[in-house]
C-alpha cells in the first residue's frame, strides 16, 4: 500500500503502468488490433473518442469559463506557448533527427508540440499548487477546442513537406475532427445545465472510461506498428534519446514561461497557472486526433511514442512542482 502511494505521489499511477502494459501486449499479440484484425477494436475506439468528448462538454460549465475570462495577458502567454513556442522548438531540433529512420520520431515530436494543453490534470495541478483555478479552467478548455483547428493546421506544415499529406486534405481532416470531437463537446455543453451535475458526481467513473479508450487506441496503434515491423531496429538508445529530449523540452518550455511571467509582473497564482497550462500536452487529444491525422499509417506507434513519454514525465514533474508550490504558498500565508 505504501509503495502504491509513493508511486502515485511521484506521478506513476496505475494508468501509466497500463499504458506500458498495452504496448507490451501489442508486441506479444498484435493480431486483434492490427488493420487485418478479426475484432473491430478500431471502430470501438473511434466511437469511444466521441463519447469522451461528449462527457467532457457535459462537465464544461459556461459560468466557469466566464469566471476565468478577464485576464488577457495570462491567456496570451498560455496559448502562444501551446501553439507557437512548442512547435517552434520542435522545428529548431529537427536537424538532430537526421536520417530517414529518425524522420517518424521527429514527426511524433512535432505532433506532440502541436497538441493542445490537458484539461483535467492541468486544472487539478493548478488547484494543488494554489494557482488561479478559474483561469486554468478557461485556458485548458479553450486550448482543447482551439486544438481541433490549430493542431491539424500546424501538422499540415510537416506532413505536406514530407509528402504524407496534401493541403487539399486539410479541410477533410478538420471536418472529421469537428464531427468526432467538436460536435460532441458542443452537444455536451448544451446539456450541461440539465446533466452537468450527473457528470460531476460520476467524474471518477468517466475518467476511467476515458483512460480505457486511450488504452484501446494505444493498443491498436502499436499493434499495427509491431505487425508490420515498424520498430525493427528501434533500439534502447533511441528510446533513451527520445526520453531525454522530452525532459529537456518540458523544462525549456516551463523555464521560458516562468521568465516571461516575471517580465510581465504576474503574481504567484497567475504564474502557476501559466506554467502548468502552458507546458502540458494532452494525451487524450493526441491519441484521438491520431485516428484522423494518420489514417492507415502503420507507423503511428512511433508517432505516439513522444506524447506517451512526455505525458509520463509531465505528470511526475508537475506533481512534484505542484506539491512544492503548495507548501511554499502555505508557509507564506502563515
C-alpha atoms as a PDB file:
ATOM      1  CA  UNK A   1       0.000   0.000   0.000  1.00  0.00           C
ATOM      2  CA  UNK A   2       2.824   2.362   0.924  1.00  0.00           C
ATOM      3  CA  UNK A   3       4.627   1.547  -2.318  1.00  0.00           C
ATOM      4  CA  UNK A   4       1.469   2.350  -4.331  1.00  0.00           C
ATOM      5  CA  UNK A   5       1.074   5.666  -2.504  1.00  0.00           C
ATOM      6  CA  UNK A   6       4.704   6.592  -3.151  1.00  0.00           C
ATOM      7  CA  UNK A   7       4.366   5.738  -6.832  1.00  0.00           C
ATOM      8  CA  UNK A   8       1.184   7.828  -7.078  1.00  0.00           C
ATOM      9  CA  UNK A   9       2.796  10.807  -5.334  1.00  0.00           C
ATOM     10  CA  UNK A  10       5.596  10.616  -7.896  1.00  0.00           C
ATOM     11  CA  UNK A  11       3.055  10.689 -10.750  1.00  0.00           C
ATOM     12  CA  UNK A  12       3.350   6.962 -11.532  1.00  0.00           C
ATOM     13  CA  UNK A  13      -0.281   5.939 -11.252  1.00  0.00           C
ATOM     14  CA  UNK A  14      -1.923   2.753 -12.493  1.00  0.00           C
ATOM     15  CA  UNK A  15      -2.823   4.339 -15.819  1.00  0.00           C
ATOM     16  CA  UNK A  16       0.817   4.887 -16.783  1.00  0.00           C
ATOM     17  CA  UNK A  17       1.606   1.290 -15.894  1.00  0.00           C
ATOM     18  CA  UNK A  18      -1.357   0.156 -18.025  1.00  0.00           C
ATOM     19  CA  UNK A  19      -0.022   2.210 -20.965  1.00  0.00           C
ATOM     20  CA  UNK A  20       3.247   0.299 -20.753  1.00  0.00           C
ATOM     21  CA  UNK A  21       1.301  -2.967 -20.492  1.00  0.00           C
ATOM     22  CA  UNK A  22      -0.701  -2.126 -23.649  1.00  0.00           C
ATOM     23  CA  UNK A  23       2.490  -1.607 -25.627  1.00  0.00           C
ATOM     24  CA  UNK A  24       3.868  -4.908 -24.317  1.00  0.00           C
ATOM     25  CA  UNK A  25       0.581  -6.693 -25.103  1.00  0.00           C
ATOM     26  CA  UNK A  26       0.616  -5.276 -28.643  1.00  0.00           C
ATOM     27  CA  UNK A  27       4.132  -6.673 -29.053  1.00  0.00           C
ATOM     28  CA  UNK A  28       3.065 -10.133 -27.859  1.00  0.00           C
ATOM     29  CA  UNK A  29      -0.386 -10.254 -29.532  1.00  0.00           C
ATOM     30  CA  UNK A  30      -0.750  -7.715 -32.358  1.00  0.00           C
ATOM     31  CA  UNK A  31      -3.344  -9.570 -34.443  1.00  0.00           C
ATOM     32  CA  UNK A  32      -6.593  -8.364 -32.763  1.00  0.00           C
ATOM     33  CA  UNK A  33      -5.739  -4.676 -33.070  1.00  0.00           C
ATOM     34  CA  UNK A  34      -3.936  -4.633 -36.418  1.00  0.00           C
ATOM     35  CA  UNK A  35      -5.542  -3.469 -39.654  1.00  0.00           C
ATOM     36  CA  UNK A  36      -6.363  -7.018 -40.647  1.00  0.00           C
ATOM     37  CA  UNK A  37      -7.551  -7.992 -37.181  1.00  0.00           C
ATOM     38  CA  UNK A  38     -10.665 -10.084 -36.771  1.00  0.00           C
ATOM     39  CA  UNK A  39     -12.037  -7.903 -33.958  1.00  0.00           C
ATOM     40  CA  UNK A  40     -13.067  -4.362 -34.845  1.00  0.00           C
ATOM     41  CA  UNK A  41     -11.271  -2.679 -31.954  1.00  0.00           C
ATOM     42  CA  UNK A  42     -10.547   0.399 -34.059  1.00  0.00           C
ATOM     43  CA  UNK A  43     -14.252   1.082 -34.631  1.00  0.00           C
ATOM     44  CA  UNK A  44     -14.859   0.757 -30.892  1.00  0.00           C
ATOM     45  CA  UNK A  45     -12.019   3.206 -30.231  1.00  0.00           C
ATOM     46  CA  UNK A  46     -13.429   5.722 -32.726  1.00  0.00           C
ATOM     47  CA  UNK A  47     -16.842   5.599 -31.053  1.00  0.00           C
ATOM     48  CA  UNK A  48     -15.192   5.913 -27.641  1.00  0.00           C
ATOM     49  CA  UNK A  49     -13.449   9.115 -28.724  1.00  0.00           C
ATOM     50  CA  UNK A  50     -16.769  10.844 -29.426  1.00  0.00           C
ATOM     51  CA  UNK A  51     -18.206   9.665 -26.105  1.00  0.00           C
ATOM     52  CA  UNK A  52     -15.145  11.009 -24.246  1.00  0.00           C
ATOM     53  CA  UNK A  53     -15.603  14.474 -25.698  1.00  0.00           C
ATOM     54  CA  UNK A  54     -19.364  14.423 -25.148  1.00  0.00           C
ATOM     55  CA  UNK A  55     -18.834  13.897 -21.420  1.00  0.00           C
ATOM     56  CA  UNK A  56     -16.061  16.497 -21.448  1.00  0.00           C
ATOM     57  CA  UNK A  57     -18.558  19.022 -22.844  1.00  0.00           C
ATOM     58  CA  UNK A  58     -21.178  17.868 -20.345  1.00  0.00           C
ATOM     59  CA  UNK A  59     -18.859  18.870 -17.497  1.00  0.00           C
ATOM     60  CA  UNK A  60     -17.859  22.162 -19.149  1.00  0.00           C
ATOM     61  CA  UNK A  61     -19.774  24.888 -17.365  1.00  0.00           C
ATOM     62  CA  UNK A  62     -20.098  28.200 -19.216  1.00  0.00           C
ATOM     63  CA  UNK A  63     -20.172  30.038 -15.888  1.00  0.00           C
ATOM     64  CA  UNK A  64     -16.725  28.639 -15.005  1.00  0.00           C
ATOM     65  CA  UNK A  65     -15.425  29.714 -18.391  1.00  0.00           C
ATOM     66  CA  UNK A  66     -16.721  33.266 -17.904  1.00  0.00           C
ATOM     67  CA  UNK A  67     -15.116  33.334 -14.448  1.00  0.00           C
ATOM     68  CA  UNK A  68     -11.640  32.955 -15.897  1.00  0.00           C
ATOM     69  CA  UNK A  69     -12.141  35.199 -18.918  1.00  0.00           C
ATOM     70  CA  UNK A  70     -10.796  38.514 -17.635  1.00  0.00           C
ATOM     71  CA  UNK A  71      -7.026  38.034 -17.808  1.00  0.00           C
ATOM     72  CA  UNK A  72      -5.918  38.653 -21.375  1.00  0.00           C
ATOM     73  CA  UNK A  73      -2.164  38.628 -20.781  1.00  0.00           C
ATOM     74  CA  UNK A  74      -2.291  35.290 -18.956  1.00  0.00           C
ATOM     75  CA  UNK A  75      -4.366  33.696 -21.717  1.00  0.00           C
ATOM     76  CA  UNK A  76      -1.997  35.035 -24.374  1.00  0.00           C
ATOM     77  CA  UNK A  77       1.058  33.541 -22.630  1.00  0.00           C
ATOM     78  CA  UNK A  78      -0.583  30.111 -22.313  1.00  0.00           C
ATOM     79  CA  UNK A  79      -1.838  29.857 -25.892  1.00  0.00           C
ATOM     80  CA  UNK A  80       1.278  31.348 -27.504  1.00  0.00           C
ATOM     81  CA  UNK A  81       3.323  28.790 -25.601  1.00  0.00           C
ATOM     82  CA  UNK A  82       0.987  25.921 -26.546  1.00  0.00           C
ATOM     83  CA  UNK A  83       0.583  26.615 -30.253  1.00  0.00           C
ATOM     84  CA  UNK A  84       3.592  28.799 -31.221  1.00  0.00           C
ATOM     85  CA  UNK A  85       6.549  28.293 -28.882  1.00  0.00           C
ATOM     86  CA  UNK A  86       6.236  24.499 -28.647  1.00  0.00           C
ATOM     87  CA  UNK A  87       6.145  23.933 -32.460  1.00  0.00           C
ATOM     88  CA  UNK A  88       8.982  26.440 -32.935  1.00  0.00           C
ATOM     89  CA  UNK A  89      11.177  24.455 -30.541  1.00  0.00           C
ATOM     90  CA  UNK A  90      10.319  21.226 -32.369  1.00  0.00           C
ATOM     91  CA  UNK A  91      11.331  22.801 -35.672  1.00  0.00           C
ATOM     92  CA  UNK A  92      14.620  24.004 -34.158  1.00  0.00           C
ATOM     93  CA  UNK A  93      15.629  20.487 -33.074  1.00  0.00           C
ATOM     94  CA  UNK A  94      14.734  18.852 -36.402  1.00  0.00           C
ATOM     95  CA  UNK A  95      18.422  18.709 -37.517  1.00  0.00           C
ATOM     96  CA  UNK A  96      19.099  16.406 -34.535  1.00  0.00           C
ATOM     97  CA  UNK A  97      16.818  13.796 -36.148  1.00  0.00           C
ATOM     98  CA  UNK A  98      18.929  13.309 -39.245  1.00  0.00           C
ATOM     99  CA  UNK A  99      18.327  10.256 -41.371  1.00  0.00           C
ATOM    100  CA  UNK A 100      15.248   8.589 -42.756  1.00  0.00           C
ATOM    101  CA  UNK A 101      14.963   6.245 -39.746  1.00  0.00           C
ATOM    102  CA  UNK A 102      14.538   9.239 -37.394  1.00  0.00           C
ATOM    103  CA  UNK A 103      12.050  11.144 -39.561  1.00  0.00           C
ATOM    104  CA  UNK A 104       8.983   9.489 -37.996  1.00  0.00           C
ATOM    105  CA  UNK A 105      10.325  10.067 -34.488  1.00  0.00           C
ATOM    106  CA  UNK A 106      10.714  13.784 -35.211  1.00  0.00           C
ATOM    107  CA  UNK A 107       7.223  13.818 -36.712  1.00  0.00           C
ATOM    108  CA  UNK A 108       5.990  12.438 -33.382  1.00  0.00           C
ATOM    109  CA  UNK A 109       7.842  15.210 -31.521  1.00  0.00           C
ATOM    110  CA  UNK A 110       6.306  17.847 -33.783  1.00  0.00           C
ATOM    111  CA  UNK A 111       2.878  16.262 -33.340  1.00  0.00           C
ATOM    112  CA  UNK A 112       3.324  16.475 -29.568  1.00  0.00           C
ATOM    113  CA  UNK A 113       4.306  20.137 -29.918  1.00  0.00           C
ATOM    114  CA  UNK A 114       1.156  20.936 -31.913  1.00  0.00           C
ATOM    115  CA  UNK A 115      -1.293  19.405 -29.433  1.00  0.00           C
ATOM    116  CA  UNK A 116      -3.473  21.450 -27.054  1.00  0.00           C
ATOM    117  CA  UNK A 117      -2.992  21.538 -23.298  1.00  0.00           C
ATOM    118  CA  UNK A 118      -4.539  18.999 -20.959  1.00  0.00           C
ATOM    119  CA  UNK A 119      -7.817  19.820 -19.194  1.00  0.00           C
ATOM    120  CA  UNK A 120      -8.393  17.802 -16.033  1.00  0.00           C
ATOM    121  CA  UNK A 121      -4.797  17.230 -14.935  1.00  0.00           C
ATOM    122  CA  UNK A 122      -3.780  20.853 -15.588  1.00  0.00           C
ATOM    123  CA  UNK A 123      -6.678  22.164 -13.503  1.00  0.00           C
ATOM    124  CA  UNK A 124      -6.021  19.638 -10.725  1.00  0.00           C
ATOM    125  CA  UNK A 125      -2.329  20.549 -10.534  1.00  0.00           C
ATOM    126  CA  UNK A 126      -3.086  24.277 -10.528  1.00  0.00           C
ATOM    127  CA  UNK A 127      -5.522  23.674  -7.686  1.00  0.00           C
ATOM    128  CA  UNK A 128      -2.938  21.675  -5.690  1.00  0.00           C
ATOM    129  CA  UNK A 129      -0.351  24.432  -6.207  1.00  0.00           C
ATOM    130  CA  UNK A 130      -2.937  27.083  -5.183  1.00  0.00           C
ATOM    131  CA  UNK A 131      -2.889  28.866  -8.507  1.00  0.00           C
ATOM    132  CA  UNK A 132      -5.636  30.689 -10.414  1.00  0.00           C
ATOM    133  CA  UNK A 133      -8.112  27.818 -10.900  1.00  0.00           C
ATOM    134  CA  UNK A 134     -10.845  29.703 -12.878  1.00  0.00           C
ATOM    135  CA  UNK A 135      -8.180  30.901 -15.338  1.00  0.00           C
ATOM    136  CA  UNK A 136      -6.823  27.345 -15.593  1.00  0.00           C
ATOM    137  CA  UNK A 137     -10.294  26.008 -16.443  1.00  0.00           C
ATOM    138  CA  UNK A 138     -10.732  28.703 -19.086  1.00  0.00           C
ATOM    139  CA  UNK A 139      -7.314  28.215 -20.703  1.00  0.00           C
ATOM    140  CA  UNK A 140      -7.385  24.419 -20.687  1.00  0.00           C
ATOM    141  CA  UNK A 141     -10.899  24.348 -22.152  1.00  0.00           C
ATOM    142  CA  UNK A 142     -10.218  26.950 -24.851  1.00  0.00           C
ATOM    143  CA  UNK A 143      -6.944  25.220 -25.721  1.00  0.00           C
ATOM    144  CA  UNK A 144      -8.783  21.915 -26.229  1.00  0.00           C
ATOM    145  CA  UNK A 145     -11.371  23.483 -28.517  1.00  0.00           C
ATOM    146  CA  UNK A 146      -8.793  25.516 -30.464  1.00  0.00           C
ATOM    147  CA  UNK A 147      -6.717  22.377 -30.961  1.00  0.00           C
ATOM    148  CA  UNK A 148      -9.416  20.901 -33.200  1.00  0.00           C
ATOM    149  CA  UNK A 149      -8.463  23.525 -35.802  1.00  0.00           C
ATOM    150  CA  UNK A 150      -4.886  24.518 -34.922  1.00  0.00           C
ATOM    151  CA  UNK A 151      -3.339  21.063 -34.469  1.00  0.00           C
ATOM    152  CA  UNK A 152      -4.176  19.789 -37.989  1.00  0.00           C
ATOM    153  CA  UNK A 153      -3.238  23.189 -39.441  1.00  0.00           C
ATOM    154  CA  UNK A 154       0.197  23.082 -37.795  1.00  0.00           C
ATOM    155  CA  UNK A 155       0.659  19.400 -38.627  1.00  0.00           C
ATOM    156  CA  UNK A 156      -0.060  20.107 -42.291  1.00  0.00           C
ATOM    157  CA  UNK A 157       3.249  22.013 -42.396  1.00  0.00           C
ATOM    158  CA  UNK A 158       5.206  18.876 -41.510  1.00  0.00           C
ATOM    159  CA  UNK A 159       3.035  16.340 -43.298  1.00  0.00           C
ATOM    160  CA  UNK A 160       2.906  18.245 -46.592  1.00  0.00           C
ATOM    161  CA  UNK A 161       6.679  18.773 -46.631  1.00  0.00           C
ATOM    162  CA  UNK A 162       7.227  15.052 -46.050  1.00  0.00           C
ATOM    163  CA  UNK A 163       4.699  14.105 -48.727  1.00  0.00           C
ATOM    164  CA  UNK A 164       2.340  12.403 -46.254  1.00  0.00           C
ATOM    165  CA  UNK A 165      -0.453  14.939 -46.637  1.00  0.00           C
ATOM    166  CA  UNK A 166      -1.552  17.492 -49.186  1.00  0.00           C
ATOM    167  CA  UNK A 167      -3.013  20.853 -48.144  1.00  0.00           C
ATOM    168  CA  UNK A 168      -6.177  19.908 -50.018  1.00  0.00           C
ATOM    169  CA  UNK A 169      -6.725  17.167 -47.413  1.00  0.00           C
ATOM    170  CA  UNK A 170      -6.737  19.675 -44.543  1.00  0.00           C
ATOM    171  CA  UNK A 171     -10.430  20.581 -44.916  1.00  0.00           C
ATOM    172  CA  UNK A 172     -11.457  16.922 -44.757  1.00  0.00           C
ATOM    173  CA  UNK A 173      -9.330  16.340 -41.658  1.00  0.00           C
ATOM    174  CA  UNK A 174     -10.768  19.365 -39.851  1.00  0.00           C
ATOM    175  CA  UNK A 175     -14.262  18.242 -40.886  1.00  0.00           C
ATOM    176  CA  UNK A 176     -13.702  14.792 -39.356  1.00  0.00           C
ATOM    177  CA  UNK A 177     -12.364  16.331 -36.154  1.00  0.00           C
ATOM    178  CA  UNK A 178     -15.381  18.660 -35.956  1.00  0.00           C
ATOM    179  CA  UNK A 179     -17.729  15.685 -36.248  1.00  0.00           C
ATOM    180  CA  UNK A 180     -15.794  13.379 -33.945  1.00  0.00           C
ATOM    181  CA  UNK A 181     -14.506  15.872 -31.334  1.00  0.00           C
ATOM    182  CA  UNK A 182     -16.018  19.354 -31.501  1.00  0.00           C
ATOM    183  CA  UNK A 183     -19.648  18.388 -32.174  1.00  0.00           C
ATOM    184  CA  UNK A 184     -19.827  16.010 -29.161  1.00  0.00           C
ATOM    185  CA  UNK A 185     -18.329  18.780 -26.973  1.00  0.00           C
ATOM    186  CA  UNK A 186     -20.926  21.309 -28.158  1.00  0.00           C
ATOM    187  CA  UNK A 187     -23.772  18.823 -27.619  1.00  0.00           C
ATOM    188  CA  UNK A 188     -22.427  18.073 -24.155  1.00  0.00           C
ATOM    189  CA  UNK A 189     -22.150  21.774 -23.285  1.00  0.00           C
ATOM    190  CA  UNK A 190     -25.741  22.348 -24.393  1.00  0.00           C
ATOM    191  CA  UNK A 191     -26.844  19.712 -21.874  1.00  0.00           C
ATOM    192  CA  UNK A 192     -24.626  20.974 -19.042  1.00  0.00           C
ATOM    193  CA  UNK A 193     -27.413  22.675 -17.073  1.00  0.00           C
ATOM    194  CA  UNK A 194     -29.524  19.521 -17.091  1.00  0.00           C
ATOM    195  CA  UNK A 195     -26.911  16.759 -16.785  1.00  0.00           C
ATOM    196  CA  UNK A 196     -23.745  18.579 -15.670  1.00  0.00           C
ATOM    197  CA  UNK A 197     -24.249  17.651 -12.020  1.00  0.00           C
ATOM    198  CA  UNK A 198     -24.548  13.971 -13.031  1.00  0.00           C
ATOM    199  CA  UNK A 199     -21.227  14.190 -14.886  1.00  0.00           C
ATOM    200  CA  UNK A 200     -19.534  15.860 -11.902  1.00  0.00           C
ATOM    201  CA  UNK A 201     -20.822  13.235  -9.475  1.00  0.00           C
ATOM    202  CA  UNK A 202     -19.546  10.452 -11.727  1.00  0.00           C
ATOM    203  CA  UNK A 203     -16.321  12.106 -12.893  1.00  0.00           C
ATOM    204  CA  UNK A 204     -14.203   9.302 -11.419  1.00  0.00           C
ATOM    205  CA  UNK A 205     -16.039   6.675 -13.496  1.00  0.00           C
ATOM    206  CA  UNK A 206     -15.934   8.913 -16.570  1.00  0.00           C
ATOM    207  CA  UNK A 207     -12.191   9.321 -16.108  1.00  0.00           C
ATOM    208  CA  UNK A 208     -11.863   5.537 -16.006  1.00  0.00           C
ATOM    209  CA  UNK A 209     -13.830   5.336 -19.259  1.00  0.00           C
ATOM    210  CA  UNK A 210     -11.541   7.982 -20.840  1.00  0.00           C
ATOM    211  CA  UNK A 211      -8.490   6.019 -19.826  1.00  0.00           C
ATOM    212  CA  UNK A 212      -9.932   2.760 -21.157  1.00  0.00           C
ATOM    213  CA  UNK A 213     -10.497   4.327 -24.584  1.00  0.00           C
ATOM    214  CA  UNK A 214      -6.971   5.777 -24.611  1.00  0.00           C
ATOM    215  CA  UNK A 215      -5.534   2.372 -23.735  1.00  0.00           C
ATOM    216  CA  UNK A 216      -7.538   0.808 -26.580  1.00  0.00           C
ATOM    217  CA  UNK A 217      -6.250   3.414 -29.069  1.00  0.00           C
ATOM    218  CA  UNK A 218      -2.665   2.933 -27.905  1.00  0.00           C
ATOM    219  CA  UNK A 219      -3.024  -0.848 -28.183  1.00  0.00           C
ATOM    220  CA  UNK A 220      -4.407  -0.755 -31.742  1.00  0.00           C
ATOM    221  CA  UNK A 221      -1.797   1.814 -32.840  1.00  0.00           C
ATOM    222  CA  UNK A 222       1.096  -0.293 -31.581  1.00  0.00           C
ATOM    223  CA  UNK A 223      -0.500  -3.496 -32.935  1.00  0.00           C
ATOM    224  CA  UNK A 224      -0.252  -2.085 -36.456  1.00  0.00           C
ATOM    225  CA  UNK A 225       3.316  -0.955 -35.883  1.00  0.00           C
ATOM    226  CA  UNK A 226       4.512  -4.269 -34.448  1.00  0.00           C
ATOM    227  CA  UNK A 227       2.596  -6.349 -37.011  1.00  0.00           C
ATOM    228  CA  UNK A 228       4.358  -4.512 -39.847  1.00  0.00           C
ATOM    229  CA  UNK A 229       7.790  -4.495 -38.204  1.00  0.00           C
ATOM    230  CA  UNK A 230       7.987  -0.704 -37.853  1.00  0.00           C
ATOM    231  CA  UNK A 231      10.019  -0.925 -34.621  1.00  0.00           C
ATOM    232  CA  UNK A 232      12.658  -3.255 -36.088  1.00  0.00           C
ATOM    233  CA  UNK A 233      15.995  -1.559 -35.449  1.00  0.00           C
ATOM    234  CA  UNK A 234      14.480   0.851 -32.920  1.00  0.00           C
ATOM    235  CA  UNK A 235      16.984   0.289 -30.119  1.00  0.00           C
ATOM    236  CA  UNK A 236      17.163   1.257 -26.479  1.00  0.00           C
ATOM    237  CA  UNK A 237      19.494   4.179 -27.208  1.00  0.00           C
ATOM    238  CA  UNK A 238      16.913   5.843 -29.462  1.00  0.00           C
ATOM    239  CA  UNK A 239      14.269   5.384 -26.778  1.00  0.00           C
ATOM    240  CA  UNK A 240      16.535   6.965 -24.148  1.00  0.00           C
ATOM    241  CA  UNK A 241      17.384   9.762 -26.594  1.00  0.00           C
ATOM    242  CA  UNK A 242      13.680  10.471 -27.035  1.00  0.00           C
ATOM    243  CA  UNK A 243      13.054  10.340 -23.280  1.00  0.00           C
ATOM    244  CA  UNK A 244      15.877  12.800 -22.558  1.00  0.00           C
ATOM    245  CA  UNK A 245      14.576  15.026 -25.338  1.00  0.00           C
ATOM    246  CA  UNK A 246      11.133  15.139 -23.715  1.00  0.00           C
ATOM    247  CA  UNK A 247      12.752  16.024 -20.380  1.00  0.00           C
ATOM    248  CA  UNK A 248      14.697  18.909 -21.957  1.00  0.00           C
ATOM    249  CA  UNK A 249      11.604  20.059 -23.888  1.00  0.00           C
ATOM    250  CA  UNK A 250       9.500  20.267 -20.719  1.00  0.00           C
ATOM    251  CA  UNK A 251      11.994  22.357 -18.786  1.00  0.00           C
ATOM    252  CA  UNK A 252      12.774  24.564 -21.796  1.00  0.00           C
ATOM    253  CA  UNK A 253       9.085  25.483 -22.068  1.00  0.00           C
ATOM    254  CA  UNK A 254       8.455  25.630 -18.301  1.00  0.00           C
ATOM    255  CA  UNK A 255      11.520  27.818 -17.681  1.00  0.00           C
ATOM    256  CA  UNK A 256      10.703  30.128 -20.597  1.00  0.00           C
ATOM    257  CA  UNK A 257       7.136  30.670 -19.356  1.00  0.00           C
ATOM    258  CA  UNK A 258       8.395  31.469 -15.831  1.00  0.00           C
ATOM    259  CA  UNK A 259      10.812  34.012 -17.311  1.00  0.00           C
ATOM    260  CA  UNK A 260       8.053  35.670 -19.352  1.00  0.00           C
ATOM    261  CA  UNK A 261       5.751  35.758 -16.309  1.00  0.00           C
ATOM    262  CA  UNK A 262       8.421  37.530 -14.259  1.00  0.00           C
ATOM    263  CA  UNK A 263       9.000  40.051 -17.045  1.00  0.00           C
ATOM    264  CA  UNK A 264       5.269  40.740 -17.255  1.00  0.00           C
ATOM    265  CA  UNK A 265       4.938  41.111 -13.489  1.00  0.00           C
ATOM    266  CA  UNK A 266       2.487  38.214 -12.978  1.00  0.00           C
ATOM    267  CA  UNK A 267       1.540  37.391  -9.410  1.00  0.00           C
ATOM    268  CA  UNK A 268       2.241  33.945  -7.942  1.00  0.00           C
ATOM    269  CA  UNK A 269      -1.189  32.477  -8.706  1.00  0.00           C
ATOM    270  CA  UNK A 270      -1.146  33.553 -12.360  1.00  0.00           C
ATOM    271  CA  UNK A 271       2.437  32.343 -12.801  1.00  0.00           C
ATOM    272  CA  UNK A 272       1.457  28.885 -11.533  1.00  0.00           C
ATOM    273  CA  UNK A 273      -1.471  28.754 -13.953  1.00  0.00           C
ATOM    274  CA  UNK A 274       0.589  29.952 -16.921  1.00  0.00           C
ATOM    275  CA  UNK A 275       3.444  27.494 -16.336  1.00  0.00           C
ATOM    276  CA  UNK A 276       1.205  24.495 -15.683  1.00  0.00           C
ATOM    277  CA  UNK A 277      -1.271  25.073 -18.518  1.00  0.00           C
ATOM    278  CA  UNK A 278       1.358  26.267 -20.997  1.00  0.00           C
ATOM    279  CA  UNK A 279       3.783  23.381 -20.501  1.00  0.00           C
ATOM    280  CA  UNK A 280       1.351  20.422 -20.573  1.00  0.00           C
ATOM    281  CA  UNK A 281       0.132  18.460 -23.581  1.00  0.00           C
ATOM    282  CA  UNK A 282      -2.994  16.325 -23.895  1.00  0.00           C
ATOM    283  CA  UNK A 283      -2.614  12.567 -24.352  1.00  0.00           C
ATOM    284  CA  UNK A 284      -6.401  12.346 -24.899  1.00  0.00           C
ATOM    285  CA  UNK A 285      -6.245  14.704 -27.885  1.00  0.00           C
ATOM    286  CA  UNK A 286      -3.018  13.126 -29.103  1.00  0.00           C
ATOM    287  CA  UNK A 287      -4.471   9.634 -29.292  1.00  0.00           C
ATOM    288  CA  UNK A 288      -7.873  10.829 -30.573  1.00  0.00           C
ATOM    289  CA  UNK A 289      -6.523  13.041 -33.361  1.00  0.00           C
ATOM    290  CA  UNK A 290      -4.038  10.401 -34.482  1.00  0.00           C
ATOM    291  CA  UNK A 291      -7.010   8.352 -35.737  1.00  0.00           C
ATOM    292  CA  UNK A 292      -7.883  11.161 -38.139  1.00  0.00           C
ATOM    293  CA  UNK A 293      -4.498  12.694 -38.985  1.00  0.00           C
ATOM    294  CA  UNK A 294      -2.721   9.384 -39.676  1.00  0.00           C
ATOM    295  CA  UNK A 295      -5.410   7.028 -41.042  1.00  0.00           C
ATOM    296  CA  UNK A 296      -3.999   3.662 -42.045  1.00  0.00           C
ATOM    297  CA  UNK A 297      -0.407   4.663 -41.189  1.00  0.00           C
ATOM    298  CA  UNK A 298       1.270   1.562 -39.752  1.00  0.00           C
ATOM    299  CA  UNK A 299       3.994   3.609 -38.056  1.00  0.00           C
ATOM    300  CA  UNK A 300       1.588   5.612 -35.891  1.00  0.00           C
ATOM    301  CA  UNK A 301       3.050   3.788 -32.859  1.00  0.00           C
ATOM    302  CA  UNK A 302       6.329   5.658 -33.301  1.00  0.00           C
ATOM    303  CA  UNK A 303       4.462   8.953 -33.762  1.00  0.00           C
ATOM    304  CA  UNK A 304       2.600   8.392 -30.474  1.00  0.00           C
ATOM    305  CA  UNK A 305       5.770   7.450 -28.577  1.00  0.00           C
ATOM    306  CA  UNK A 306       6.890  11.052 -27.766  1.00  0.00           C
ATOM    307  CA  UNK A 307       3.458  12.078 -26.402  1.00  0.00           C
ATOM    308  CA  UNK A 308       3.345   8.942 -24.220  1.00  0.00           C
ATOM    309  CA  UNK A 309       6.806   9.678 -22.815  1.00  0.00           C
ATOM    310  CA  UNK A 310       6.013  13.366 -22.367  1.00  0.00           C
ATOM    311  CA  UNK A 311       2.724  12.508 -20.648  1.00  0.00           C
ATOM    312  CA  UNK A 312       4.533  10.355 -18.085  1.00  0.00           C
ATOM    313  CA  UNK A 313       7.209  12.997 -17.478  1.00  0.00           C
ATOM    314  CA  UNK A 314       4.777  15.902 -17.173  1.00  0.00           C
ATOM    315  CA  UNK A 315       2.705  14.047 -14.589  1.00  0.00           C
ATOM    316  CA  UNK A 316       5.739  13.243 -12.445  1.00  0.00           C
ATOM    317  CA  UNK A 317       7.429  16.626 -12.791  1.00  0.00           C
ATOM    318  CA  UNK A 318       4.348  18.823 -12.465  1.00  0.00           C
ATOM    319  CA  UNK A 319       3.004  16.871  -9.494  1.00  0.00           C
ATOM    320  CA  UNK A 320       6.337  17.390  -7.700  1.00  0.00           C
ATOM    321  CA  UNK A 321       6.381  21.089  -8.615  1.00  0.00           C
ATOM    322  CA  UNK A 322       2.739  21.492  -7.535  1.00  0.00           C
ATOM    323  CA  UNK A 323       3.367  19.996  -4.096  1.00  0.00           C
ATOM    324  CA  UNK A 324       6.407  22.225  -3.615  1.00  0.00           C
ATOM    325  CA  UNK A 325       4.477  25.317  -4.710  1.00  0.00           C
ATOM    326  CA  UNK A 326       1.580  24.451  -2.395  1.00  0.00           C
ATOM    327  CA  UNK A 327       3.916  24.091   0.556  1.00  0.00           C
ATOM    328  CA  UNK A 328       5.672  27.375  -0.260  1.00  0.00           C
ATOM    329  CA  UNK A 329       2.318  29.192  -0.555  1.00  0.00           C
ATOM    330  CA  UNK A 330       1.081  27.745   2.751  1.00  0.00           C
ATOM    331  CA  UNK A 331       4.282  28.815   4.516  1.00  0.00           C
ATOM    332  CA  UNK A 332       3.989  32.290   3.040  1.00  0.00           C
ATOM    333  CA  UNK A 333       0.427  32.642   4.345  1.00  0.00           C
ATOM    334  CA  UNK A 334       1.383  31.671   7.906  1.00  0.00           C
END
